[in-house]
N, C-alpha and C. Protein backbone atom coordinates (compact mmCIF):
# COMPACT_ATOMS: atom_id res chain seq x y z
N MET A 1 82.61 104.50 87.96
CA MET A 1 82.18 105.44 89.01
C MET A 1 81.15 106.39 88.43
N ALA A 2 80.15 106.72 89.20
CA ALA A 2 79.17 107.72 88.77
C ALA A 2 79.82 109.05 88.51
N TYR A 3 79.24 109.77 87.56
CA TYR A 3 79.87 111.07 87.17
C TYR A 3 79.97 112.01 88.38
N GLN A 4 78.89 112.15 89.15
CA GLN A 4 78.89 113.11 90.27
C GLN A 4 79.96 112.77 91.29
N LYS A 5 80.13 111.45 91.54
CA LYS A 5 81.21 111.03 92.49
C LYS A 5 82.58 111.35 91.94
N ALA A 6 82.75 111.10 90.63
CA ALA A 6 84.05 111.37 90.02
C ALA A 6 84.33 112.87 90.06
N LEU A 7 83.36 113.69 89.75
CA LEU A 7 83.52 115.13 89.75
C LEU A 7 83.85 115.63 91.15
N ALA A 8 83.16 115.12 92.16
CA ALA A 8 83.40 115.51 93.54
C ALA A 8 84.81 115.15 93.96
N HIS A 9 85.30 114.00 93.53
CA HIS A 9 86.63 113.52 93.90
C HIS A 9 87.69 114.44 93.26
N VAL A 10 87.49 114.82 92.00
CA VAL A 10 88.43 115.72 91.35
C VAL A 10 88.44 117.08 92.08
N ILE A 11 87.29 117.58 92.43
CA ILE A 11 87.21 118.87 93.15
C ILE A 11 87.96 118.76 94.52
N ASN A 12 87.70 117.68 95.23
CA ASN A 12 88.38 117.49 96.52
C ASN A 12 89.87 117.48 96.39
N CYS A 13 90.36 116.74 95.38
CA CYS A 13 91.81 116.68 95.18
C CYS A 13 92.38 118.03 94.77
N SER A 14 91.59 118.77 93.99
CA SER A 14 92.04 120.10 93.55
C SER A 14 92.13 121.05 94.78
N GLU A 15 91.07 121.04 95.58
CA GLU A 15 91.07 121.89 96.74
C GLU A 15 92.15 121.54 97.78
N ALA A 16 92.56 120.26 97.77
CA ALA A 16 93.65 119.84 98.65
C ALA A 16 95.03 120.16 98.09
N GLY A 17 95.07 120.74 96.87
CA GLY A 17 96.32 121.10 96.25
C GLY A 17 97.12 119.97 95.70
N LEU A 18 96.42 118.87 95.32
CA LEU A 18 97.16 117.66 94.86
C LEU A 18 97.42 117.69 93.35
N LEU A 19 96.59 118.32 92.60
CA LEU A 19 96.65 118.21 91.13
C LEU A 19 97.75 119.09 90.57
N PRO A 20 98.44 118.64 89.53
CA PRO A 20 99.51 119.42 88.93
C PRO A 20 98.97 120.74 88.33
N ALA A 21 99.85 121.73 88.29
CA ALA A 21 99.43 123.05 87.79
C ALA A 21 99.21 123.01 86.29
N ARG A 22 100.01 122.20 85.55
CA ARG A 22 99.90 122.12 84.09
C ARG A 22 99.34 120.75 83.71
N LEU A 23 98.27 120.76 82.91
CA LEU A 23 97.65 119.53 82.48
C LEU A 23 98.08 119.21 81.02
N ASP A 24 99.40 119.21 80.78
CA ASP A 24 99.90 118.71 79.50
C ASP A 24 99.88 117.18 79.60
N HIS A 25 100.59 116.51 78.66
CA HIS A 25 100.56 115.05 78.63
C HIS A 25 101.08 114.48 79.95
N GLU A 26 102.24 115.00 80.45
CA GLU A 26 102.79 114.53 81.67
C GLU A 26 101.90 114.87 82.85
N GLY A 27 101.35 116.08 82.83
CA GLY A 27 100.47 116.50 83.92
C GLY A 27 99.22 115.67 84.04
N MET A 28 98.66 115.27 82.89
CA MET A 28 97.48 114.42 82.89
C MET A 28 97.78 113.06 83.49
N GLU A 29 98.94 112.49 83.18
CA GLU A 29 99.32 111.21 83.75
C GLU A 29 99.49 111.32 85.27
N GLN A 30 100.11 112.39 85.70
CA GLN A 30 100.33 112.57 87.13
C GLN A 30 99.00 112.80 87.85
N ALA A 31 98.09 113.56 87.21
CA ALA A 31 96.77 113.80 87.81
C ALA A 31 96.00 112.52 87.95
N LEU A 32 96.06 111.67 86.93
CA LEU A 32 95.31 110.39 86.99
C LEU A 32 95.88 109.51 88.09
N ALA A 33 97.20 109.48 88.24
CA ALA A 33 97.80 108.67 89.30
C ALA A 33 97.37 109.19 90.65
N LEU A 34 97.38 110.51 90.86
CA LEU A 34 96.98 111.10 92.13
C LEU A 34 95.51 110.85 92.44
N LEU A 35 94.66 110.95 91.40
CA LEU A 35 93.22 110.72 91.64
C LEU A 35 93.00 109.27 92.06
N GLN A 36 93.67 108.31 91.40
CA GLN A 36 93.52 106.90 91.71
C GLN A 36 94.04 106.59 93.05
N GLN A 37 95.20 107.15 93.43
CA GLN A 37 95.85 106.86 94.73
C GLN A 37 94.97 107.38 95.90
N ASN A 38 94.24 108.47 95.65
CA ASN A 38 93.50 109.07 96.78
C ASN A 38 92.05 108.73 96.81
N LEU A 39 91.58 107.79 96.02
CA LEU A 39 90.19 107.36 96.08
C LEU A 39 89.89 106.81 97.48
N GLY A 40 88.87 107.34 98.10
CA GLY A 40 88.46 106.86 99.40
C GLY A 40 89.24 107.36 100.55
N THR A 41 90.23 108.25 100.30
CA THR A 41 91.01 108.81 101.43
C THR A 41 90.16 109.77 102.21
N PRO A 42 89.94 109.54 103.52
CA PRO A 42 89.09 110.45 104.31
C PRO A 42 89.80 111.74 104.60
N HIS A 43 88.96 112.76 104.92
CA HIS A 43 89.47 114.06 105.33
C HIS A 43 90.36 114.68 104.24
N LEU A 44 90.03 114.44 102.98
CA LEU A 44 90.86 114.98 101.91
C LEU A 44 90.60 116.42 101.64
N THR A 45 89.33 116.83 101.76
CA THR A 45 88.97 118.18 101.41
C THR A 45 89.57 119.17 102.41
N LYS A 46 90.22 120.18 101.88
CA LYS A 46 90.85 121.21 102.68
C LYS A 46 90.13 122.56 102.46
N PRO A 47 90.30 123.51 103.37
CA PRO A 47 89.69 124.84 103.16
C PRO A 47 90.11 125.44 101.87
N ALA A 48 89.14 126.02 101.16
CA ALA A 48 89.46 126.65 99.88
C ALA A 48 90.45 127.81 100.09
N ARG A 49 91.31 127.99 99.11
CA ARG A 49 92.32 129.03 99.24
C ARG A 49 91.74 130.42 98.90
N THR A 50 92.28 131.42 99.48
CA THR A 50 91.91 132.75 99.13
C THR A 50 93.07 133.38 98.38
N GLY A 51 92.82 134.54 97.79
CA GLY A 51 93.88 135.16 97.01
C GLY A 51 95.08 135.55 97.86
N ALA A 52 94.90 135.72 99.16
CA ALA A 52 96.01 136.13 100.00
C ALA A 52 96.91 134.98 100.46
N GLU A 53 96.40 133.71 100.28
CA GLU A 53 97.18 132.59 100.72
C GLU A 53 98.24 132.21 99.69
N PRO A 54 99.37 131.69 100.15
CA PRO A 54 100.35 131.22 99.17
C PRO A 54 99.86 130.08 98.36
N LYS A 55 100.22 130.09 97.07
CA LYS A 55 99.81 129.00 96.18
C LYS A 55 100.69 127.81 96.40
N ALA A 56 100.19 126.64 96.01
CA ALA A 56 100.96 125.39 96.11
C ALA A 56 102.23 125.55 95.26
N THR A 57 103.29 124.97 95.75
CA THR A 57 104.58 125.05 95.04
C THR A 57 104.74 123.79 94.23
N ASP A 58 104.88 123.90 92.94
CA ASP A 58 105.16 122.74 92.10
C ASP A 58 106.62 122.55 92.08
N THR A 59 107.08 121.39 92.56
CA THR A 59 108.51 121.15 92.68
C THR A 59 109.10 120.46 91.48
N ARG A 60 108.32 120.37 90.37
CA ARG A 60 108.85 119.72 89.20
C ARG A 60 109.62 120.75 88.38
N THR A 61 110.71 121.26 88.90
CA THR A 61 111.52 122.24 88.21
C THR A 61 112.70 121.53 87.52
N GLY A 62 113.36 122.25 86.70
CA GLY A 62 114.52 121.68 86.00
C GLY A 62 115.65 121.35 86.96
N THR A 63 116.47 120.38 86.59
CA THR A 63 117.54 119.99 87.47
C THR A 63 118.58 121.11 87.69
N ALA A 64 118.70 122.02 86.71
CA ALA A 64 119.66 123.11 86.82
C ALA A 64 119.21 124.09 87.94
N GLU A 65 117.91 124.14 88.29
CA GLU A 65 117.46 125.08 89.29
C GLU A 65 117.49 124.45 90.68
N ARG A 66 117.81 123.21 90.82
CA ARG A 66 117.75 122.55 92.13
C ARG A 66 119.15 122.18 92.56
N PRO A 67 119.47 122.42 93.84
CA PRO A 67 120.77 121.98 94.32
C PRO A 67 120.79 120.47 94.45
N SER A 68 121.96 119.88 94.25
CA SER A 68 122.06 118.40 94.37
C SER A 68 121.85 118.01 95.80
N LEU A 69 120.94 117.03 95.98
CA LEU A 69 120.63 116.56 97.34
C LEU A 69 121.18 115.16 97.64
N SER A 70 121.77 114.53 96.64
CA SER A 70 122.14 113.11 96.77
C SER A 70 123.18 112.89 97.87
N LYS A 71 124.01 113.93 98.17
CA LYS A 71 125.03 113.76 99.18
C LYS A 71 124.62 114.30 100.54
N ASP A 72 123.42 114.84 100.63
CA ASP A 72 122.93 115.33 101.92
C ASP A 72 122.78 114.11 102.87
N PRO A 73 123.35 114.19 104.09
CA PRO A 73 123.27 113.01 104.98
C PRO A 73 121.83 112.59 105.28
N ARG A 74 120.91 113.51 105.31
CA ARG A 74 119.51 113.19 105.53
C ARG A 74 118.94 112.37 104.36
N CYS A 75 119.31 112.75 103.17
CA CYS A 75 118.86 112.02 101.99
C CYS A 75 119.45 110.64 101.97
N VAL A 76 120.74 110.49 102.25
CA VAL A 76 121.38 109.23 102.25
C VAL A 76 120.72 108.29 103.30
N ALA A 77 120.43 108.82 104.46
CA ALA A 77 119.80 108.01 105.49
C ALA A 77 118.40 107.57 105.12
N LEU A 78 117.65 108.49 104.51
CA LEU A 78 116.26 108.13 104.07
C LEU A 78 116.32 107.09 102.95
N VAL A 79 117.26 107.14 102.07
CA VAL A 79 117.35 106.16 100.99
C VAL A 79 117.41 104.75 101.54
N GLU A 80 118.31 104.53 102.49
CA GLU A 80 118.47 103.19 103.05
C GLU A 80 117.20 102.73 103.78
N ALA A 81 116.57 103.67 104.51
CA ALA A 81 115.37 103.29 105.26
C ALA A 81 114.18 103.06 104.36
N LEU A 82 114.14 103.74 103.20
CA LEU A 82 112.98 103.62 102.32
C LEU A 82 112.95 102.40 101.44
N LYS A 83 114.12 101.85 101.19
CA LYS A 83 114.14 100.71 100.22
C LYS A 83 113.25 99.53 100.65
N PRO A 84 113.27 99.07 101.92
CA PRO A 84 112.35 98.03 102.31
C PRO A 84 110.87 98.41 102.15
N ALA A 85 110.59 99.73 102.45
CA ALA A 85 109.22 100.21 102.34
C ALA A 85 108.74 100.16 100.86
N LEU A 86 109.64 100.56 99.96
CA LEU A 86 109.26 100.50 98.56
C LEU A 86 109.11 99.08 98.06
N GLN A 87 109.98 98.19 98.45
CA GLN A 87 109.87 96.80 98.07
C GLN A 87 108.56 96.21 98.53
N ALA A 88 108.10 96.62 99.71
CA ALA A 88 106.88 96.07 100.28
C ALA A 88 105.64 96.46 99.45
N THR A 89 105.75 97.50 98.65
CA THR A 89 104.56 97.94 97.84
C THR A 89 104.44 97.16 96.52
N CYS A 90 105.46 96.36 96.19
CA CYS A 90 105.37 95.58 94.96
C CYS A 90 104.40 94.43 95.16
N PRO A 91 103.48 94.23 94.20
CA PRO A 91 102.52 93.14 94.38
C PRO A 91 103.18 91.78 94.48
N GLU A 92 102.56 90.91 95.30
CA GLU A 92 103.14 89.60 95.51
C GLU A 92 103.14 88.82 94.16
N GLY A 93 104.27 88.20 93.93
CA GLY A 93 104.39 87.36 92.74
C GLY A 93 104.65 88.16 91.45
N ALA A 94 104.96 89.46 91.59
CA ALA A 94 105.19 90.30 90.40
C ALA A 94 106.65 90.53 90.14
N GLY A 95 107.54 89.82 90.83
CA GLY A 95 108.95 89.96 90.52
C GLY A 95 109.58 91.31 90.83
N GLY A 96 108.99 92.03 91.77
CA GLY A 96 109.52 93.34 92.11
C GLY A 96 109.05 94.49 91.23
N TYR A 97 108.16 94.18 90.28
CA TYR A 97 107.61 95.24 89.42
C TYR A 97 106.31 95.80 90.02
N GLY A 98 105.94 97.00 89.54
CA GLY A 98 104.63 97.56 89.87
C GLY A 98 104.53 98.23 91.22
N GLY A 99 105.66 98.55 91.87
CA GLY A 99 105.58 99.21 93.19
C GLY A 99 105.27 100.66 93.07
N ALA A 100 104.71 101.22 94.12
CA ALA A 100 104.44 102.67 94.18
C ALA A 100 104.18 103.05 95.63
N LEU A 101 104.64 104.23 95.98
CA LEU A 101 104.39 104.69 97.34
C LEU A 101 104.07 106.17 97.34
N GLN A 102 103.05 106.53 98.07
CA GLN A 102 102.62 107.92 98.20
C GLN A 102 102.58 108.26 99.67
N ALA A 103 103.18 109.38 100.02
CA ALA A 103 103.12 109.90 101.41
C ALA A 103 102.40 111.24 101.42
N ASN A 104 101.30 111.32 102.11
CA ASN A 104 100.56 112.56 102.35
C ASN A 104 100.98 113.08 103.72
N LEU A 105 101.76 114.16 103.78
CA LEU A 105 102.35 114.65 105.00
C LEU A 105 101.86 116.01 105.38
N HIS A 106 101.91 116.30 106.65
CA HIS A 106 101.69 117.65 107.11
C HIS A 106 102.92 118.45 106.66
N PRO A 107 102.75 119.64 106.13
CA PRO A 107 103.92 120.42 105.68
C PRO A 107 105.02 120.55 106.75
N ALA A 108 104.63 120.67 108.00
CA ALA A 108 105.65 120.84 109.05
C ALA A 108 106.45 119.54 109.17
N ASP A 109 105.84 118.38 109.03
CA ASP A 109 106.56 117.13 109.14
C ASP A 109 107.53 116.96 107.94
N ALA A 110 107.08 117.43 106.76
CA ALA A 110 107.92 117.37 105.59
C ALA A 110 109.17 118.27 105.79
N GLN A 111 108.96 119.42 106.38
CA GLN A 111 110.11 120.34 106.62
C GLN A 111 111.07 119.76 107.65
N ILE A 112 110.56 119.07 108.64
CA ILE A 112 111.44 118.46 109.64
C ILE A 112 112.38 117.45 108.99
N LEU A 113 111.90 116.76 107.99
CA LEU A 113 112.67 115.75 107.27
C LEU A 113 113.61 116.35 106.24
N GLY A 114 113.50 117.62 105.95
CA GLY A 114 114.36 118.26 105.00
C GLY A 114 113.64 118.88 103.82
N GLY A 115 112.30 118.79 103.79
CA GLY A 115 111.53 119.38 102.72
C GLY A 115 111.14 118.37 101.65
N VAL A 116 110.12 118.76 100.86
CA VAL A 116 109.58 117.89 99.82
C VAL A 116 110.61 117.48 98.81
N GLU A 117 111.49 118.43 98.43
CA GLU A 117 112.52 118.12 97.40
C GLU A 117 113.47 117.03 97.92
N LEU A 118 113.89 117.15 99.17
CA LEU A 118 114.81 116.13 99.71
C LEU A 118 114.13 114.74 99.83
N ILE A 119 112.88 114.77 100.28
CA ILE A 119 112.15 113.51 100.37
C ILE A 119 112.00 112.90 98.98
N ARG A 120 111.63 113.71 98.03
CA ARG A 120 111.46 113.22 96.64
C ARG A 120 112.78 112.64 96.11
N ALA A 121 113.87 113.37 96.38
CA ALA A 121 115.18 112.88 95.89
C ALA A 121 115.51 111.50 96.54
N ALA A 122 115.22 111.36 97.82
CA ALA A 122 115.48 110.10 98.51
C ALA A 122 114.61 108.97 97.95
N MET A 123 113.36 109.28 97.70
CA MET A 123 112.46 108.26 97.10
C MET A 123 113.00 107.82 95.73
N ARG A 124 113.37 108.81 94.93
CA ARG A 124 113.86 108.51 93.58
C ARG A 124 115.14 107.68 93.61
N ARG A 125 116.05 108.03 94.49
CA ARG A 125 117.32 107.31 94.58
C ARG A 125 117.11 105.88 95.11
N ALA A 126 116.24 105.73 96.11
CA ALA A 126 115.96 104.43 96.64
C ALA A 126 115.30 103.54 95.60
N ALA A 127 114.40 104.12 94.82
CA ALA A 127 113.71 103.33 93.79
C ALA A 127 114.72 102.87 92.71
N ARG A 128 115.59 103.76 92.32
CA ARG A 128 116.57 103.41 91.29
C ARG A 128 117.53 102.35 91.79
N GLN A 129 117.89 102.39 93.07
CA GLN A 129 118.77 101.38 93.59
C GLN A 129 118.09 100.00 93.62
N LEU A 130 116.74 99.96 93.62
CA LEU A 130 115.99 98.75 93.56
C LEU A 130 115.77 98.28 92.09
N GLY A 131 116.25 99.09 91.14
CA GLY A 131 116.10 98.74 89.74
C GLY A 131 114.87 99.27 89.10
N TRP A 132 114.13 100.12 89.81
CA TRP A 132 112.93 100.71 89.23
C TRP A 132 113.28 101.76 88.18
N ARG A 133 112.39 101.94 87.25
CA ARG A 133 112.36 103.16 86.40
C ARG A 133 111.43 104.10 87.12
N ALA A 134 111.97 105.04 87.85
CA ALA A 134 111.20 105.76 88.81
C ALA A 134 110.57 107.07 88.22
N GLN A 135 109.30 107.22 88.48
CA GLN A 135 108.62 108.50 88.17
C GLN A 135 108.21 109.08 89.52
N THR A 136 108.56 110.34 89.75
CA THR A 136 108.26 110.96 91.05
C THR A 136 107.44 112.21 90.86
N VAL A 137 106.69 112.53 91.93
CA VAL A 137 105.90 113.74 91.98
C VAL A 137 106.14 114.35 93.41
N GLY A 138 106.29 115.65 93.52
CA GLY A 138 106.44 116.27 94.79
C GLY A 138 105.70 117.60 94.78
N ARG A 139 104.79 117.82 95.73
CA ARG A 139 104.04 119.08 95.76
C ARG A 139 103.90 119.49 97.23
N ALA A 140 104.14 120.76 97.47
CA ALA A 140 103.98 121.35 98.84
C ALA A 140 102.96 122.41 98.81
N GLY A 141 101.96 122.27 99.64
CA GLY A 141 100.89 123.30 99.71
C GLY A 141 100.75 123.81 101.14
N GLU A 142 99.76 124.64 101.34
CA GLU A 142 99.54 125.28 102.65
C GLU A 142 99.12 124.23 103.68
N HIS A 143 98.34 123.24 103.26
CA HIS A 143 97.80 122.28 104.23
C HIS A 143 98.32 120.87 104.03
N LEU A 144 98.99 120.57 102.92
CA LEU A 144 99.33 119.20 102.61
C LEU A 144 100.60 119.17 101.75
N ALA A 145 101.47 118.23 102.06
CA ALA A 145 102.67 117.98 101.24
C ALA A 145 102.53 116.53 100.74
N VAL A 146 102.67 116.32 99.42
CA VAL A 146 102.52 115.04 98.82
C VAL A 146 103.75 114.63 98.04
N VAL A 147 104.27 113.46 98.28
CA VAL A 147 105.42 112.96 97.55
C VAL A 147 105.09 111.51 97.06
N ILE A 148 105.31 111.25 95.79
CA ILE A 148 104.96 109.96 95.21
C ILE A 148 106.16 109.44 94.39
N VAL A 149 106.38 108.14 94.49
CA VAL A 149 107.29 107.46 93.59
C VAL A 149 106.58 106.26 93.05
N GLN A 150 106.80 106.01 91.77
CA GLN A 150 106.14 104.88 91.06
C GLN A 150 107.10 104.20 90.11
N ASP A 151 107.03 102.90 90.07
CA ASP A 151 107.82 102.11 89.13
C ASP A 151 107.06 102.02 87.83
N ILE A 152 107.60 102.60 86.76
CA ILE A 152 106.84 102.63 85.48
C ILE A 152 107.48 101.68 84.46
N ARG A 153 108.29 100.76 84.90
CA ARG A 153 108.85 99.75 83.97
C ARG A 153 107.72 98.92 83.43
N GLU A 154 107.91 98.45 82.19
CA GLU A 154 106.94 97.48 81.61
C GLU A 154 107.41 96.11 82.09
N ALA A 155 106.52 95.43 82.81
CA ALA A 155 106.86 94.13 83.42
C ALA A 155 106.84 93.04 82.35
N PRO A 156 107.69 92.02 82.51
CA PRO A 156 107.67 90.86 81.62
C PRO A 156 106.33 90.15 81.67
N ALA A 157 105.97 89.46 80.62
CA ALA A 157 104.69 88.82 80.48
C ALA A 157 104.40 87.82 81.62
N GLU A 158 105.48 87.24 82.17
CA GLU A 158 105.30 86.20 83.18
C GLU A 158 104.69 86.78 84.47
N TYR A 159 104.77 88.09 84.62
CA TYR A 159 104.18 88.73 85.83
C TYR A 159 102.90 89.40 85.57
N ALA A 160 102.34 89.29 84.35
CA ALA A 160 101.13 89.98 84.02
C ALA A 160 99.97 89.55 84.88
N ASP A 161 99.84 88.26 85.15
CA ASP A 161 98.67 87.76 85.96
C ASP A 161 98.74 88.33 87.36
N ALA A 162 99.91 88.34 87.95
CA ALA A 162 100.03 88.86 89.33
C ALA A 162 99.70 90.34 89.39
N LEU A 163 100.15 91.11 88.42
CA LEU A 163 99.90 92.51 88.36
C LEU A 163 98.42 92.80 88.13
N GLU A 164 97.82 92.00 87.24
CA GLU A 164 96.38 92.21 86.97
C GLU A 164 95.55 91.86 88.20
N GLU A 165 95.93 90.79 88.89
CA GLU A 165 95.23 90.41 90.12
C GLU A 165 95.30 91.51 91.18
N ASP A 166 96.50 92.10 91.33
CA ASP A 166 96.64 93.17 92.28
C ASP A 166 95.85 94.38 91.85
N HIS A 167 95.87 94.70 90.58
CA HIS A 167 95.08 95.83 90.02
C HIS A 167 93.61 95.64 90.36
N GLN A 168 93.10 94.44 90.16
CA GLN A 168 91.67 94.20 90.45
C GLN A 168 91.37 94.26 91.98
N ARG A 169 92.33 93.83 92.78
CA ARG A 169 92.16 93.95 94.23
C ARG A 169 92.08 95.38 94.66
N VAL A 170 92.98 96.22 94.11
CA VAL A 170 92.96 97.66 94.46
C VAL A 170 91.70 98.28 93.95
N GLY A 171 91.21 97.88 92.77
CA GLY A 171 89.99 98.44 92.24
C GLY A 171 88.79 98.09 93.12
N ARG A 172 88.74 96.85 93.61
CA ARG A 172 87.63 96.45 94.49
C ARG A 172 87.65 97.26 95.78
N GLU A 173 88.83 97.47 96.34
CA GLU A 173 88.94 98.27 97.57
C GLU A 173 88.51 99.70 97.33
N MET A 174 88.90 100.23 96.21
CA MET A 174 88.48 101.62 95.87
C MET A 174 86.95 101.73 95.81
N VAL A 175 86.35 100.75 95.13
CA VAL A 175 84.90 100.80 94.99
C VAL A 175 84.23 100.69 96.34
N GLN A 176 84.72 99.82 97.18
CA GLN A 176 84.16 99.65 98.51
C GLN A 176 84.29 100.92 99.33
N ARG A 177 85.45 101.58 99.25
CA ARG A 177 85.65 102.80 100.03
C ARG A 177 84.82 103.94 99.49
N MET A 178 84.67 104.04 98.16
CA MET A 178 83.85 105.08 97.62
C MET A 178 82.36 104.85 97.93
N SER A 179 81.94 103.56 97.98
CA SER A 179 80.55 103.27 98.35
C SER A 179 80.27 103.66 99.77
N ALA A 180 81.29 103.58 100.63
CA ALA A 180 81.13 103.89 102.04
C ALA A 180 81.44 105.32 102.37
N ALA A 181 81.80 106.11 101.37
CA ALA A 181 82.25 107.50 101.63
C ALA A 181 81.20 108.34 102.33
N ALA A 182 79.95 108.09 102.05
CA ALA A 182 78.87 108.89 102.68
C ALA A 182 78.52 108.39 104.06
N ASP A 183 79.07 107.25 104.45
CA ASP A 183 78.78 106.68 105.78
C ASP A 183 80.08 106.65 106.56
N GLU A 184 80.25 107.62 107.44
CA GLU A 184 81.53 107.73 108.18
C GLU A 184 81.81 106.50 109.03
N GLN A 185 80.82 105.91 109.63
CA GLN A 185 80.98 104.73 110.44
C GLN A 185 81.48 103.55 109.59
N ALA A 186 80.88 103.35 108.43
CA ALA A 186 81.31 102.28 107.55
C ALA A 186 82.69 102.53 107.00
N LEU A 187 83.03 103.79 106.73
CA LEU A 187 84.36 104.15 106.22
C LEU A 187 85.42 103.86 107.28
N ASN A 188 85.10 104.21 108.56
CA ASN A 188 86.03 103.93 109.63
C ASN A 188 86.20 102.49 109.82
N ALA A 189 85.16 101.69 109.67
CA ALA A 189 85.23 100.24 109.85
C ALA A 189 86.09 99.58 108.79
N SER A 190 86.21 100.24 107.62
CA SER A 190 87.00 99.64 106.55
C SER A 190 88.48 99.79 106.77
N GLY A 191 88.89 100.56 107.79
CA GLY A 191 90.31 100.67 108.11
C GLY A 191 90.99 101.75 107.33
N PRO A 192 92.31 101.89 107.51
CA PRO A 192 93.05 102.92 106.80
C PRO A 192 92.99 102.72 105.26
N SER A 193 93.00 103.84 104.55
CA SER A 193 92.99 103.80 103.09
C SER A 193 94.38 103.37 102.59
N PRO A 194 94.52 102.97 101.33
CA PRO A 194 95.83 102.66 100.81
C PRO A 194 96.85 103.76 101.00
N VAL A 195 96.47 105.00 100.77
CA VAL A 195 97.36 106.13 100.94
C VAL A 195 97.77 106.31 102.39
N GLU A 196 96.81 106.09 103.29
CA GLU A 196 97.15 106.21 104.71
C GLU A 196 98.13 105.09 105.14
N ARG A 197 97.92 103.89 104.60
CA ARG A 197 98.86 102.80 104.92
C ARG A 197 100.26 103.10 104.39
N GLN A 198 100.31 103.62 103.16
CA GLN A 198 101.64 103.95 102.57
C GLN A 198 102.27 105.12 103.31
N THR A 199 101.46 106.09 103.72
CA THR A 199 102.02 107.23 104.49
C THR A 199 102.62 106.73 105.78
N GLU A 200 101.94 105.83 106.45
CA GLU A 200 102.44 105.31 107.75
C GLU A 200 103.72 104.52 107.50
N ALA A 201 103.81 103.75 106.42
CA ALA A 201 105.03 103.03 106.10
C ALA A 201 106.17 103.99 105.84
N PHE A 202 105.88 105.09 105.17
CA PHE A 202 106.95 106.14 104.94
C PHE A 202 107.37 106.69 106.25
N LEU A 203 106.43 107.08 107.11
CA LEU A 203 106.77 107.69 108.36
C LEU A 203 107.58 106.77 109.26
N GLN A 204 107.27 105.47 109.26
CA GLN A 204 108.03 104.52 109.99
C GLN A 204 109.50 104.48 109.47
N ALA A 205 109.64 104.50 108.18
CA ALA A 205 110.96 104.49 107.60
C ALA A 205 111.70 105.76 107.98
N ALA A 206 111.01 106.92 107.94
CA ALA A 206 111.66 108.18 108.29
C ALA A 206 112.08 108.22 109.72
N ARG A 207 111.20 107.67 110.63
CA ARG A 207 111.58 107.63 112.03
C ARG A 207 112.80 106.74 112.26
N SER A 208 112.82 105.63 111.54
CA SER A 208 114.00 104.73 111.62
C SER A 208 115.26 105.43 111.16
N ALA A 209 115.16 106.15 110.04
CA ALA A 209 116.32 106.85 109.52
C ALA A 209 116.84 107.92 110.51
N ARG A 210 115.92 108.63 111.10
CA ARG A 210 116.31 109.71 112.05
C ARG A 210 116.90 109.10 113.35
N ALA A 211 116.31 107.97 113.78
CA ALA A 211 116.82 107.39 115.00
C ALA A 211 118.24 106.84 114.81
N ALA A 212 118.54 106.34 113.61
CA ALA A 212 119.81 105.78 113.34
C ALA A 212 120.87 106.84 112.93
N ASN A 213 120.40 108.04 112.58
CA ASN A 213 121.31 109.06 112.11
C ASN A 213 120.93 110.41 112.71
N LEU A 214 120.90 110.52 114.01
CA LEU A 214 120.47 111.74 114.65
C LEU A 214 121.32 112.94 114.29
N GLU A 215 122.64 112.70 114.04
CA GLU A 215 123.50 113.83 113.69
C GLU A 215 123.10 114.46 112.36
N ALA A 216 122.56 113.66 111.45
CA ALA A 216 122.18 114.22 110.16
C ALA A 216 121.09 115.28 110.28
N TRP A 217 120.23 115.16 111.28
CA TRP A 217 119.15 116.11 111.46
C TRP A 217 119.41 117.17 112.53
N SER A 218 120.60 117.14 113.11
CA SER A 218 120.92 118.09 114.17
C SER A 218 121.27 119.44 113.58
């Protein structure tokens, strides 16, 4: 990618409140994942923050500071609904390895579901029940709430070709979307971005969970 496009993408993600507050080793890995996931996502840029606005909340706090959410009925319901959605993100022929799901939510929608921490806990638990080694990110800002889960297991060699083929496919789509970024008509014709598709899959799972467990959200 050209330097100017890369720089603009980093600035857009930063203004949208997506990037981690600390860029240590873990923060750099999370930032890279976020930048890759959001390549070509339309309407990413958000109004710049002023000093009077609340800063984004980094939810990567220690476990001792967070209440346990695993027994919350909303979390339990989301876990069951999310497992098929997470499985669907695994590349075809990769033996269930290499899955990842990112949901870009309106903060109000995240709060309706129980908040970013509860959603993140449900994603993590669902991923672990599928056998993933789950890495999660959860951030809540003024304009956007982002929750990500990723399988970071090292896949057996027999699945390397399938994973590499999927990686190349994703790369081609990213290049196409970035090339069309300056042409709104061409970008719209390319359809929803990967993050938009994943967000819709998450929302469908959340709607299913709420419909089947109305009492949990009452």
